PDB file of N, CA and C in Angstrom:
ATOM      1  N   MET A   1      14.000  17.330  14.518  1.00  0.00           N
ATOM      2  CA  MET A   1      14.107  16.608  13.221  1.00  0.00           C
ATOM      3  C   MET A   1      13.230  17.357  12.177  1.00  0.00           C
ATOM      4  N   ASN A   2      13.705  17.234  10.964  1.00  0.00           N
ATOM      5  CA  ASN A   2      13.076  17.966   9.982  1.00  0.00           C
ATOM      6  C   ASN A   2      12.054  17.066   9.270  1.00  0.00           C
ATOM      7  N   GLU A   3      11.158  17.557   8.495  1.00  0.00           N
ATOM      8  CA  GLU A   3      10.002  16.810   8.077  1.00  0.00           C
ATOM      9  C   GLU A   3      10.468  15.767   7.023  1.00  0.00           C
ATOM     10  N   GLU A   4      11.517  16.060   6.270  1.00  0.00           N
ATOM     11  CA  GLU A   4      11.993  15.148   5.265  1.00  0.00           C
ATOM     12  C   GLU A   4      12.513  13.774   5.855  1.00  0.00           C
ATOM     13  N   VAL A   5      13.278  13.939   6.921  1.00  0.00           N
ATOM     14  CA  VAL A   5      13.880  12.730   7.719  1.00  0.00           C
ATOM     15  C   VAL A   5      12.684  11.961   8.273  1.00  0.00           C
ATOM     16  N   GLU A   6      11.640  12.699   8.970  1.00  0.00           N
ATOM     17  CA  GLU A   6      10.503  12.029   9.531  1.00  0.00           C
ATOM     18  C   GLU A   6       9.705  11.259   8.458  1.00  0.00           C
ATOM     19  N   GLY A   7       9.528  11.846   7.291  1.00  0.00           N
ATOM     20  CA  GLY A   7       8.820  11.204   6.181  1.00  0.00           C
ATOM     21  C   GLY A   7       9.668   9.813   5.761  1.00  0.00           C
ATOM     22  N   LYS A   8      10.905   9.964   5.687  1.00  0.00           N
ATOM     23  CA  LYS A   8      11.709   8.696   5.288  1.00  0.00           C
ATOM     24  C   LYS A   8      11.601   7.627   6.318  1.00  0.00           C
ATOM     25  N   LEU A   9      11.713   8.054   7.576  1.00  0.00           N
ATOM     26  CA  LEU A   9      11.530   6.975   8.684  1.00  0.00           C
ATOM     27  C   LEU A   9      10.195   6.437   8.624  1.00  0.00           C
ATOM     28  N   ALA A  10       9.104   7.245   8.456  1.00  0.00           N
ATOM     29  CA  ALA A  10       7.787   6.701   8.534  1.00  0.00           C
ATOM     30  C   ALA A  10       7.584   5.698   7.375  1.00  0.00           C
ATOM     31  N   ALA A  11       8.201   5.972   6.212  1.00  0.00           N
ATOM     32  CA  ALA A  11       8.022   5.070   5.088  1.00  0.00           C
ATOM     33  C   ALA A  11       8.822   3.795   5.363  1.00  0.00           C
ATOM     34  N   MET A  12       9.988   3.923   5.952  1.00  0.00           N
ATOM     35  CA  MET A  12      10.745   2.703   6.368  1.00  0.00           C
ATOM     36  C   MET A  12       9.915   1.906   7.336  1.00  0.00           C
ATOM     37  N   GLN A  13       9.375   2.474   8.347  1.00  0.00           N
ATOM     38  CA  GLN A  13       8.666   1.716   9.339  1.00  0.00           C
ATOM     39  C   GLN A  13       7.404   1.114   8.733  1.00  0.00           C
ATOM     40  N   ARG A  14       6.751   1.762   7.794  1.00  0.00           N
ATOM     41  CA  ARG A  14       5.693   1.147   7.190  1.00  0.00           C
ATOM     42  C   ARG A  14       6.035  -0.041   6.306  1.00  0.00           C
ATOM     43  N   VAL A  15       7.089  -0.095   5.617  1.00  0.00           N
ATOM     44  CA  VAL A  15       7.530  -1.188   4.837  1.00  0.00           C
ATOM     45  C   VAL A  15       7.866  -2.427   5.779  1.00  0.00           C
ATOM     46  N   ILE A  16       8.635  -2.010   6.847  1.00  0.00           N
ATOM     47  CA  ILE A  16       8.967  -3.112   7.776  1.00  0.00           C
ATOM     48  C   ILE A  16       7.712  -3.669   8.472  1.00  0.00           C
ATOM     49  N   GLN A  17       6.767  -2.818   8.836  1.00  0.00           N
ATOM     50  CA  GLN A  17       5.538  -3.383   9.421  1.00  0.00           C
ATOM     51  C   GLN A  17       4.798  -4.232   8.487  1.00  0.00           C
ATOM     52  N   LEU A  18       4.728  -3.871   7.229  1.00  0.00           N
ATOM     53  CA  LEU A  18       3.928  -4.646   6.263  1.00  0.00           C
ATOM     54  C   LEU A  18       4.769  -5.982   5.940  1.00  0.00           C
ATOM     55  N   GLY A  19       6.141  -5.867   5.887  1.00  0.00           N
ATOM     56  CA  GLY A  19       6.857  -7.062   5.672  1.00  0.00           C
ATOM     57  C   GLY A  19       6.706  -8.024   6.758  1.00  0.00           C
ATOM     58  N   ARG A  20       6.715  -7.603   7.899  1.00  0.00           N
ATOM     59  CA  ARG A  20       6.519  -8.499   9.149  1.00  0.00           C
ATOM     60  C   ARG A  20       5.030  -9.181   9.123  1.00  0.00           C
ATOM     61  N   ALA A  21       4.164  -8.303   8.685  1.00  0.00           N
ATOM     62  CA  ALA A  21       2.762  -8.778   8.676  1.00  0.00           C
ATOM     63  C   ALA A  21       2.644  -9.897   7.533  1.00  0.00           C
ATOM     64  N   ALA A  22       3.303  -9.705   6.355  1.00  0.00           N
ATOM     65  CA  ALA A  22       3.334 -10.634   5.308  1.00  0.00           C
ATOM     66  C   ALA A  22       3.947 -11.921   5.802  1.00  0.00           C
ATOM     67  N   ARG A  23       5.082 -11.965   6.534  1.00  0.00           N
ATOM     68  CA  ARG A  23       5.684 -12.988   7.079  1.00  0.00           C
ATOM     69  C   ARG A  23       4.775 -13.828   7.978  1.00  0.00           C
ATOM     70  N   ASP A  24       4.105 -13.083   8.851  1.00  0.00           N
ATOM     71  CA  ASP A  24       3.164 -13.756   9.892  1.00  0.00           C
ATOM     72  C   ASP A  24       2.045 -14.377   9.084  1.00  0.00           C
ATOM     73  N   GLN A  25       1.504 -13.780   8.064  1.00  0.00           N
ATOM     74  CA  GLN A  25       0.435 -14.396   7.257  1.00  0.00           C
ATOM     75  C   GLN A  25       0.822 -15.636   6.673  1.00  0.00           C
ATOM     76  N   TYR A  26       1.960 -15.857   6.246  1.00  0.00           N
ATOM     77  CA  TYR A  26       2.445 -17.011   5.576  1.00  0.00           C
ATOM     78  C   TYR A  26       3.310 -17.904   6.532  1.00  0.00           C
ATOM     79  N   ASN A  27       3.345 -17.580   7.727  1.00  0.00           N
ATOM     80  CA  ASN A  27       4.135 -18.397   8.749  1.00  0.00           C
ATOM     81  C   ASN A  27       5.499 -18.553   8.364  1.00  0.00           C
ATOM     82  N   VAL A  28       6.153 -17.472   8.018  1.00  0.00           N
ATOM     83  CA  VAL A  28       7.641 -17.456   7.710  1.00  0.00           C
ATOM     84  C   VAL A  28       8.298 -16.571   8.890  1.00  0.00           C
ATOM     85  N   ILE A  29       9.136 -17.223   9.750  1.00  0.00           N
ATOM     86  CA  ILE A  29       9.797 -16.472  10.741  1.00  0.00           C
ATOM     87  C   ILE A  29      10.792 -15.583  10.249  1.00  0.00           C
ATOM     88  N   LEU A  30      11.226 -14.559  11.128  1.00  0.00           N
ATOM     89  CA  LEU A  30      12.137 -13.529  10.633  1.00  0.00           C
ATOM     90  C   LEU A  30      13.495 -14.071  10.462  1.00  0.00           C
ATOM     91  N   LYS A  31      13.788 -15.142  11.142  1.00  0.00           N
ATOM     92  CA  LYS A  31      15.155 -15.777  11.026  1.00  0.00           C
ATOM     93  C   LYS A  31      15.371 -16.409   9.637  1.00  0.00           C
ATOM     94  N   THR A  32      14.290 -16.749   8.942  1.00  0.00           N
ATOM     95  CA  THR A  32      14.388 -17.335   7.637  1.00  0.00           C
ATOM     96  C   THR A  32      14.702 -16.223   6.550  1.00  0.00           C
ATOM     97  N   PRO A  33      15.815 -16.225   5.961  1.00  0.00           N
ATOM     98  CA  PRO A  33      16.174 -15.233   5.030  1.00  0.00           C
ATOM     99  C   PRO A  33      15.257 -15.435   3.722  1.00  0.00           C
ATOM    100  N   LEU A  34      14.909 -14.335   3.138  1.00  0.00           N
ATOM    101  CA  LEU A  34      14.137 -14.345   1.914  1.00  0.00           C
ATOM    102  C   LEU A  34      15.024 -13.661   0.867  1.00  0.00           C
ATOM    103  N   ARG A  35      14.761 -14.037  -0.395  1.00  0.00           N
ATOM    104  CA  ARG A  35      15.553 -13.557  -1.487  1.00  0.00           C
ATOM    105  C   ARG A  35      15.131 -12.032  -1.882  1.00  0.00           C
ATOM    106  N   THR A  36      13.859 -11.879  -2.149  1.00  0.00           N
ATOM    107  CA  THR A  36      13.371 -10.561  -2.640  1.00  0.00           C
ATOM    108  C   THR A  36      12.069 -10.132  -2.013  1.00  0.00           C
ATOM    109  N   ILE A  37      11.922  -8.864  -1.848  1.00  0.00           N
ATOM    110  CA  ILE A  37      10.582  -8.293  -1.515  1.00  0.00           C
ATOM    111  C   ILE A  37      10.334  -7.202  -2.535  1.00  0.00           C
ATOM    112  N   THR A  38       9.121  -7.076  -2.893  1.00  0.00           N
ATOM    113  CA  THR A  38       8.790  -5.999  -3.849  1.00  0.00           C
ATOM    114  C   THR A  38       7.907  -5.090  -3.156  1.00  0.00           C
ATOM    115  N   VAL A  39       8.246  -3.834  -3.121  1.00  0.00           N
ATOM    116  CA  VAL A  39       7.454  -2.788  -2.490  1.00  0.00           C
ATOM    117  C   VAL A  39       6.780  -1.865  -3.606  1.00  0.00           C
ATOM    118  N   ILE A  40       5.517  -1.845  -3.649  1.00  0.00           N
ATOM    119  CA  ILE A  40       4.759  -1.011  -4.624  1.00  0.00           C
ATOM    120  C   ILE A  40       4.208   0.158  -3.879  1.00  0.00           C
ATOM    121  N   THR A  41       4.742   1.305  -4.407  1.00  0.00           N
ATOM    122  CA  THR A  41       4.407   2.557  -3.737  1.00  0.00           C
ATOM    123  C   THR A  41       4.146   3.692  -4.570  1.00  0.00           C
ATOM    124  N   ASP A  42       3.839   4.862  -4.201  1.00  0.00           N
ATOM    125  CA  ASP A  42       3.658   6.045  -5.061  1.00  0.00           C
ATOM    126  C   ASP A  42       5.071   6.513  -5.354  1.00  0.00           C
ATOM    127  N   PRO A  43       5.215   7.112  -6.570  1.00  0.00           N
ATOM    128  CA  PRO A  43       6.586   7.596  -6.941  1.00  0.00           C
ATOM    129  C   PRO A  43       7.309   8.471  -5.968  1.00  0.00           C
ATOM    130  N   PRO A  44       6.559   9.333  -5.223  1.00  0.00           N
ATOM    131  CA  PRO A  44       7.427  10.237  -4.290  1.00  0.00           C
ATOM    132  C   PRO A  44       7.995   9.403  -3.125  1.00  0.00           C
ATOM    133  N   MET A  45       7.343   8.293  -2.778  1.00  0.00           N
ATOM    134  CA  MET A  45       7.806   7.519  -1.654  1.00  0.00           C
ATOM    135  C   MET A  45       8.956   6.646  -2.087  1.00  0.00           C
ATOM    136  N   THR A  46       9.111   6.452  -3.333  1.00  0.00           N
ATOM    137  CA  THR A  46      10.216   5.463  -3.926  1.00  0.00           C
ATOM    138  C   THR A  46      11.571   5.920  -3.474  1.00  0.00           C
ATOM    139  N   SER A  47      11.925   7.147  -3.567  1.00  0.00           N
ATOM    140  CA  SER A  47      13.237   7.689  -3.096  1.00  0.00           C
ATOM    141  C   SER A  47      13.462   7.542  -1.640  1.00  0.00           C
ATOM    142  N   ASP A  48      12.291   7.728  -0.917  1.00  0.00           N
ATOM    143  CA  ASP A  48      12.501   7.651   0.691  1.00  0.00           C
ATOM    144  C   ASP A  48      12.867   6.157   0.959  1.00  0.00           C
ATOM    145  N   ILE A  49      12.202   5.271   0.378  1.00  0.00           N
ATOM    146  CA  ILE A  49      12.399   3.816   0.691  1.00  0.00           C
ATOM    147  C   ILE A  49      13.822   3.437   0.202  1.00  0.00           C
ATOM    148  N   GLU A  50      14.104   3.857  -1.038  1.00  0.00           N
ATOM    149  CA  GLU A  50      15.484   3.600  -1.663  1.00  0.00           C
ATOM    150  C   GLU A  50      16.588   4.037  -0.749  1.00  0.00           C
ATOM    151  N   SER A  51      16.431   5.226  -0.058  1.00  0.00           N
ATOM    152  CA  SER A  51      17.549   5.875   0.704  1.00  0.00           C
ATOM    153  C   SER A  51      17.758   4.989   2.042  1.00  0.00           C
ATOM    154  N   LEU A  52      16.755   4.281   2.467  1.00  0.00           N
ATOM    155  CA  LEU A  52      16.796   3.589   3.723  1.00  0.00           C
ATOM    156  C   LEU A  52      16.829   2.048   3.497  1.00  0.00           C
ATOM    157  N   LYS A  53      17.244   1.711   2.346  1.00  0.00           N
ATOM    158  CA  LYS A  53      17.065   0.275   1.808  1.00  0.00           C
ATOM    159  C   LYS A  53      17.882  -0.733   2.674  1.00  0.00           C
ATOM    160  N   THR A  54      19.064  -0.339   3.094  1.00  0.00           N
ATOM    161  CA  THR A  54      19.951  -1.186   3.895  1.00  0.00           C
ATOM    162  C   THR A  54      19.281  -1.618   5.224  1.00  0.00           C
ATOM    163  N   TYR A  55      18.611  -0.642   5.880  1.00  0.00           N
ATOM    164  CA  TYR A  55      17.946  -0.863   7.144  1.00  0.00           C
ATOM    165  C   TYR A  55      16.762  -1.790   6.931  1.00  0.00           C
ATOM    166  N   ILE A  56      16.096  -1.705   5.891  1.00  0.00           N
ATOM    167  CA  ILE A  56      14.884  -2.503   5.621  1.00  0.00           C
ATOM    168  C   ILE A  56      15.425  -3.980   5.311  1.00  0.00           C
ATOM    169  N   LEU A  57      16.413  -4.076   4.534  1.00  0.00           N
ATOM    170  CA  LEU A  57      16.987  -5.433   4.145  1.00  0.00           C
ATOM    171  C   LEU A  57      17.362  -6.187   5.416  1.00  0.00           C
ATOM    172  N   GLU A  58      18.173  -5.391   6.380  1.00  0.00           N
ATOM    173  CA  GLU A  58      18.595  -5.993   7.604  1.00  0.00           C
ATOM    174  C   GLU A  58      17.469  -6.386   8.487  1.00  0.00           C
ATOM    175  N   GLU A  59      16.536  -5.491   8.643  1.00  0.00           N
ATOM    176  CA  GLU A  59      15.474  -5.756   9.595  1.00  0.00           C
ATOM    177  C   GLU A  59      14.473  -6.868   9.140  1.00  0.00           C
ATOM    178  N   LEU A  60      14.252  -7.040   7.913  1.00  0.00           N
ATOM    179  CA  LEU A  60      13.320  -8.096   7.394  1.00  0.00           C
ATOM    180  C   LEU A  60      14.142  -9.303   6.936  1.00  0.00           C
ATOM    181  N   THR A  61      15.389  -9.337   7.015  1.00  0.00           N
ATOM    182  CA  THR A  61      16.242 -10.496   6.659  1.00  0.00           C
ATOM    183  C   THR A  61      15.957 -10.869   5.136  1.00  0.00           C
ATOM    184  N   ILE A  62      16.161 -10.042   4.315  1.00  0.00           N
ATOM    185  CA  ILE A  62      16.021 -10.242   2.903  1.00  0.00           C
ATOM    186  C   ILE A  62      17.319  -9.734   2.135  1.00  0.00           C
ATOM    187  N   THR A  63      17.484 -10.283   0.913  1.00  0.00           N
ATOM    188  CA  THR A  63      18.718  -9.923   0.177  1.00  0.00           C
ATOM    189  C   THR A  63      18.564  -8.772  -0.819  1.00  0.00           C
ATOM    190  N   GLU A  64      17.324  -8.584  -1.235  1.00  0.00           N
ATOM    191  CA  GLU A  64      17.104  -7.590  -2.324  1.00  0.00           C
ATOM    192  C   GLU A  64      15.778  -7.024  -2.212  1.00  0.00           C
ATOM    193  N   ILE A  65      15.604  -5.691  -2.412  1.00  0.00           N
ATOM    194  CA  ILE A  65      14.329  -4.981  -2.348  1.00  0.00           C
ATOM    195  C   ILE A  65      14.082  -4.408  -3.645  1.00  0.00           C
ATOM    196  N   ILE A  66      12.977  -4.511  -4.241  1.00  0.00           N
ATOM    197  CA  ILE A  66      12.525  -3.854  -5.485  1.00  0.00           C
ATOM    198  C   ILE A  66      11.380  -2.884  -5.098  1.00  0.00           C
ATOM    199  N   VAL A  67      11.684  -1.684  -5.420  1.00  0.00           N
ATOM    200  CA  VAL A  67      10.758  -0.495  -5.083  1.00  0.00           C
ATOM    201  C   VAL A  67      10.281  -0.105  -6.500  1.00  0.00           C
ATOM    202  N   THR A  68       8.871  -0.055  -6.570  1.00  0.00           N
ATOM    203  CA  THR A  68       8.261   0.372  -7.818  1.00  0.00           C
ATOM    204  C   THR A  68       6.960   0.978  -7.542  1.00  0.00           C
ATOM    205  N   SER A  69       6.438   1.547  -8.571  1.00  0.00           N
ATOM    206  CA  SER A  69       5.093   2.205  -8.534  1.00  0.00           C
ATOM    207  C   SER A  69       4.033   1.217  -9.050  1.00  0.00           C
ATOM    208  N   ASN A  70       2.789   1.498  -8.605  1.00  0.00           N
ATOM    209  CA  ASN A  70       1.801   0.526  -8.960  1.00  0.00           C
ATOM    210  C   ASN A  70       1.486   0.356 -10.414  1.00  0.00           C
ATOM    211  N   GLU A  71       1.813   1.199 -11.295  1.00  0.00           N
ATOM    212  CA  GLU A  71       1.612   1.152 -12.626  1.00  0.00           C
ATOM    213  C   GLU A  71       2.490   0.010 -13.214  1.00  0.00           C
ATOM    214  N   ASP A  72       3.672  -0.246 -12.721  1.00  0.00           N
ATOM    215  CA  ASP A  72       4.603  -1.262 -13.256  1.00  0.00           C
ATOM    216  C   ASP A  72       4.011  -2.597 -13.057  1.00  0.00           C
ATOM    217  N   TYR A  73       3.124  -2.836 -12.163  1.00  0.00           N
ATOM    218  CA  TYR A  73       2.569  -4.176 -11.878  1.00  0.00           C
ATOM    219  C   TYR A  73       1.131  -4.400 -12.417  1.00  0.00           C
ATOM    220  N   GLY A  74       0.629  -3.358 -12.970  1.00  0.00           N
ATOM    221  CA  GLY A  74      -0.773  -3.512 -13.531  1.00  0.00           C
ATOM    222  C   GLY A  74      -1.861  -3.828 -12.431  1.00  0.00           C
ATOM    223  N   ILE A  75      -1.694  -3.185 -11.280  1.00  0.00           N
ATOM    224  CA  ILE A  75      -2.660  -3.406 -10.120  1.00  0.00           C
ATOM    225  C   ILE A  75      -3.961  -2.731 -10.549  1.00  0.00           C
ATOM    226  N   GLN A  76      -5.113  -3.472 -10.254  1.00  0.00           N
ATOM    227  CA  GLN A  76      -6.321  -2.915 -10.549  1.00  0.00           C
ATOM    228  C   GLN A  76      -7.109  -2.787  -9.202  1.00  0.00           C
ATOM    229  N   LEU A  77      -7.713  -1.657  -8.972  1.00  0.00           N
ATOM    230  CA  LEU A  77      -8.476  -1.486  -7.764  1.00  0.00           C
ATOM    231  C   LEU A  77      -9.941  -1.838  -7.974  1.00  0.00           C
ATOM    232  N   GLU A  78     -10.504  -2.447  -6.996  1.00  0.00           N
ATOM    233  CA  GLU A  78     -11.879  -2.808  -6.966  1.00  0.00           C
ATOM    234  C   GLU A  78     -12.537  -2.125  -5.835  1.00  0.00           C
ATOM    235  N   ILE A  79     -13.639  -1.411  -5.981  1.00  0.00           N
ATOM    236  CA  ILE A  79     -14.340  -0.830  -4.896  1.00  0.00           C
ATOM    237  C   ILE A  79     -15.584  -1.695  -4.590  1.00  0.00           C
ATOM    238  N   LYS A  80     -15.581  -2.163  -3.327  1.00  0.00           N
ATOM    239  CA  LYS A  80     -16.802  -2.952  -2.778  1.00  0.00           C
ATOM    240  C   LYS A  80     -17.466  -2.112  -1.768  1.00  0.00           C
ATOM    241  N   VAL A  81     -18.862  -2.006  -1.859  1.00  0.00           N
ATOM    242  CA  VAL A  81     -19.594  -1.128  -1.000  1.00  0.00           C
ATOM    243  C   VAL A  81     -20.497  -1.961  -0.184  1.00  0.00           C
ATOM    244  N   ASP A  82     -20.555  -1.535   1.111  1.00  0.00           N
ATOM    245  CA  ASP A  82     -21.547  -2.183   2.038  1.00  0.00           C
ATOM    246  C   ASP A  82     -22.883  -1.436   1.831  1.00  0.00           C
ATOM    247  N   TRP A  83     -23.604  -1.975   0.913  1.00  0.00           N
ATOM    248  CA  TRP A  83     -24.782  -1.222   0.432  1.00  0.00           C
ATOM    249  C   TRP A  83     -25.904  -1.001   1.573  1.00  0.00           C
ATOM    250  N   PRO A  84     -26.169  -1.787   2.423  1.00  0.00           N
ATOM    251  CA  PRO A  84     -27.149  -1.562   3.506  1.00  0.00           C
ATOM    252  C   PRO A  84     -26.695  -0.378   4.380  1.00  0.00           C
ATOM    253  N   VAL A  85     -25.443  -0.280   4.701  1.00  0.00           N
ATOM    254  CA  VAL A  85     -24.997   0.810   5.504  1.00  0.00           C
ATOM    255  C   VAL A  85     -25.021   2.124   4.657  1.00  0.00           C
ATOM    256  N   LEU A  86     -24.457   2.054   3.362  1.00  0.00           N
ATOM    257  CA  LEU A  86     -24.522   3.269   2.505  1.00  0.00           C
ATOM    258  C   LEU A  86     -25.931   3.823   2.307  1.00  0.00           C
ATOM    259  N   ARG A  87     -26.903   2.906   2.062  1.00  0.00           N
ATOM    260  CA  ARG A  87     -28.274   3.327   1.800  1.00  0.00           C
ATOM    261  C   ARG A  87     -28.766   4.119   3.000  1.00  0.00           C
ATOM    262  N   LYS A  88     -28.496   3.626   4.198  1.00  0.00           N
ATOM    263  CA  LYS A  88     -28.955   4.288   5.461  1.00  0.00           C
ATOM    264  C   LYS A  88     -28.279   5.716   5.553  1.00  0.00           C
ATOM    265  N   LYS A  89     -27.097   5.785   5.212  1.00  0.00           N
ATOM    266  CA  LYS A  89     -26.433   7.116   5.321  1.00  0.00           C
ATOM    267  C   LYS A  89     -26.787   8.057   4.159  1.00  0.00           C
ATOM    268  N   LEU A  90     -27.023   7.591   3.040  1.00  0.00           N
ATOM    269  CA  LEU A  90     -27.314   8.463   1.766  1.00  0.00           C
ATOM    270  C   LEU A  90     -28.758   8.591   1.555  1.00  0.00           C
ATOM    271  N   LYS A  91     -29.582   7.703   2.079  1.00  0.00           N
ATOM    272  CA  LYS A  91     -31.001   7.586   1.731  1.00  0.00           C
ATOM    273  C   LYS A  91     -31.201   7.642   0.250  1.00  0.00           C
ATOM    274  N   LYS A  92     -31.769   8.738  -0.402  1.00  0.00           N
ATOM    275  CA  LYS A  92     -32.170   8.626  -1.750  1.00  0.00           C
ATOM    276  C   LYS A  92     -30.850   8.821  -2.730  1.00  0.00           C
ATOM    277  N   GLY A  93     -29.823   9.280  -2.137  1.00  0.00           N
ATOM    278  CA  GLY A  93     -28.540   9.426  -2.917  1.00  0.00           C
ATOM    279  C   GLY A  93     -27.826   8.145  -3.187  1.00  0.00           C
ATOM    280  N   GLY A  94     -28.175   7.031  -2.448  1.00  0.00           N
ATOM    281  CA  GLY A  94     -27.570   5.805  -2.676  1.00  0.00           C
ATOM    282  C   GLY A  94     -27.765   5.309  -4.093  1.00  0.00           C
ATOM    283  N   LYS A  95     -28.797   5.583  -4.842  1.00  0.00           N
ATOM    284  CA  LYS A  95     -28.931   5.128  -6.180  1.00  0.00           C
ATOM    285  C   LYS A  95     -27.985   5.902  -7.071  1.00  0.00           C
ATOM    286  N   LEU A  96     -27.822   7.134  -6.783  1.00  0.00           N
ATOM    287  CA  LEU A  96     -26.765   7.914  -7.634  1.00  0.00           C
ATOM    288  C   LEU A  96     -25.374   7.328  -7.498  1.00  0.00           C
ATOM    289  N   VAL A  97     -24.975   6.994  -6.261  1.00  0.00           N
ATOM    290  CA  VAL A  97     -23.684   6.468  -6.041  1.00  0.00           C
ATOM    291  C   VAL A  97     -23.601   5.052  -6.799  1.00  0.00           C
ATOM    292  N   ARG A  98     -24.541   4.228  -6.678  1.00  0.00           N
ATOM    293  CA  ARG A  98     -24.510   3.012  -7.289  1.00  0.00           C
ATOM    294  C   ARG A  98     -24.481   3.004  -8.810  1.00  0.00           C
ATOM    295  N   ASP A  99     -25.088   3.998  -9.406  1.00  0.00           N
ATOM    296  CA  ASP A  99     -24.971   4.143 -10.878  1.00  0.00           C
ATOM    297  C   ASP A  99     -23.606   4.753 -11.232  1.00  0.00           C
ATOM    298  N   ALA A 100     -22.992   5.552 -10.285  1.00  0.00           N
ATOM    299  CA  ALA A 100     -21.738   6.278 -10.722  1.00  0.00           C
ATOM    300  C   ALA A 100     -20.487   5.386 -10.441  1.00  0.00           C
ATOM    301  N   LEU A 101     -20.516   4.381  -9.548  1.00  0.00           N
ATOM    302  CA  LEU A 101     -19.421   3.619  -9.290  1.00  0.00           C
ATOM    303  C   LEU A 101     -18.662   2.885 -10.504  1.00  0.00           C
ATOM    304  N   PRO A 102     -19.544   2.310 -11.321  1.00  0.00           N
ATOM    305  CA  PRO A 102     -18.832   1.623 -12.505  1.00  0.00           C
ATOM    306  C   PRO A 102     -18.052   2.533 -13.408  1.00  0.00           C
ATOM    307  N   ARG A 103     -18.420   3.873 -13.377  1.00  0.00           N
ATOM    308  CA  ARG A 103     -17.858   4.806 -14.374  1.00  0.00           C
ATOM    309  C   ARG A 103     -16.633   5.622 -13.709  1.00  0.00           C
ATOM    310  N   LEU A 104     -16.268   5.152 -12.434  1.00  0.00           N
ATOM    311  CA  LEU A 104     -15.181   5.954 -11.909  1.00  0.00           C
ATOM    312  C   LEU A 104     -13.903   5.600 -12.663  1.00  0.00           C
ATOM    313  N   SER A 105     -12.987   6.676 -12.783  1.00  0.00           N
ATOM    314  CA  SER A 105     -11.782   6.530 -13.529  1.00  0.00           C
ATOM    315  C   SER A 105     -10.823   5.902 -12.432  1.00  0.00           C
ATOM    316  N   LYS A 106      -9.645   5.613 -12.914  1.00  0.00           N
ATOM    317  CA  LYS A 106      -8.626   4.958 -12.100  1.00  0.00           C
ATOM    318  C   LYS A 106      -8.105   5.965 -11.027  1.00  0.00           C
ATOM    319  N   ARG A 107      -7.915   7.200 -11.294  1.00  0.00           N
ATOM    320  CA  ARG A 107      -7.584   8.176 -10.296  1.00  0.00           C
ATOM    321  C   ARG A 107      -8.653   8.400  -9.311  1.00  0.00           C
ATOM    322  N   SER A 108      -9.908   8.370  -9.658  1.00  0.00           N
ATOM    323  CA  SER A 108     -10.962   8.482  -8.676  1.00  0.00           C
ATOM    324  C   SER A 108     -11.010   7.301  -7.768  1.00  0.00           C
ATOM    325  N   SER A 109     -10.807   6.125  -8.411  1.00  0.00           N
ATOM    326  CA  SER A 109     -10.798   4.853  -7.603  1.00  0.00           C
ATOM    327  C   SER A 109      -9.672   4.890  -6.496  1.00  0.00           C
ATOM    328  N   GLU A 110      -8.424   5.341  -6.994  1.00  0.00           N
ATOM    329  CA  GLU A 110      -7.354   5.543  -6.077  1.00  0.00           C
ATOM    330  C   GLU A 110      -7.658   6.511  -4.863  1.00  0.00           C
ATOM    331  N   ALA A 111      -8.313   7.582  -5.211  1.00  0.00           N
ATOM    332  CA  ALA A 111      -8.688   8.566  -4.112  1.00  0.00           C
ATOM    333  C   ALA A 111      -9.624   7.943  -3.223  1.00  0.00           C
ATOM    334  N   VAL A 112     -10.646   7.205  -3.711  1.00  0.00           N
ATOM    335  CA  VAL A 112     -11.638   6.507  -2.779  1.00  0.00           C
ATOM    336  C   VAL A 112     -10.856   5.588  -1.921  1.00  0.00           C
ATOM    337  N   ALA A 113      -9.880   4.871  -2.447  1.00  0.00           N
ATOM    338  CA  ALA A 113      -9.200   3.843  -1.703  1.00  0.00           C
ATOM    339  C   ALA A 113      -8.356   4.361  -0.571  1.00  0.00           C
ATOM    340  N   GLU A 114      -7.852   5.646  -0.825  1.00  0.00           N
ATOM    341  CA  GLU A 114      -7.071   6.272   0.299  1.00  0.00           C
ATOM    342  C   GLU A 114      -7.988   6.705   1.326  1.00  0.00           C
TER     343      GLU A 114
END
């Protein structure tokens, strides 16, 4: 298999896995059809998910899938730190990190989240 196909299949599997987890979280069985699911992803992954849309719709029993990037929905990331653990690891550098966290840009926050 080539890498492009593997990437598309991995994206599809991830969407299906997360869709099932969301159904489990809200106690909605797979037999219950849902109208729409919104997938928020990075722009490069959008085309991968769009190309395998029919399989995702069938697997999750939904009628429509909306694929978008996180900028469209105004998602804001928040970084929470386990300070006792971080202080032990960084020792004196913990203060530098604590002072720098509020000034992180959106891109930096996304990199930390990954």
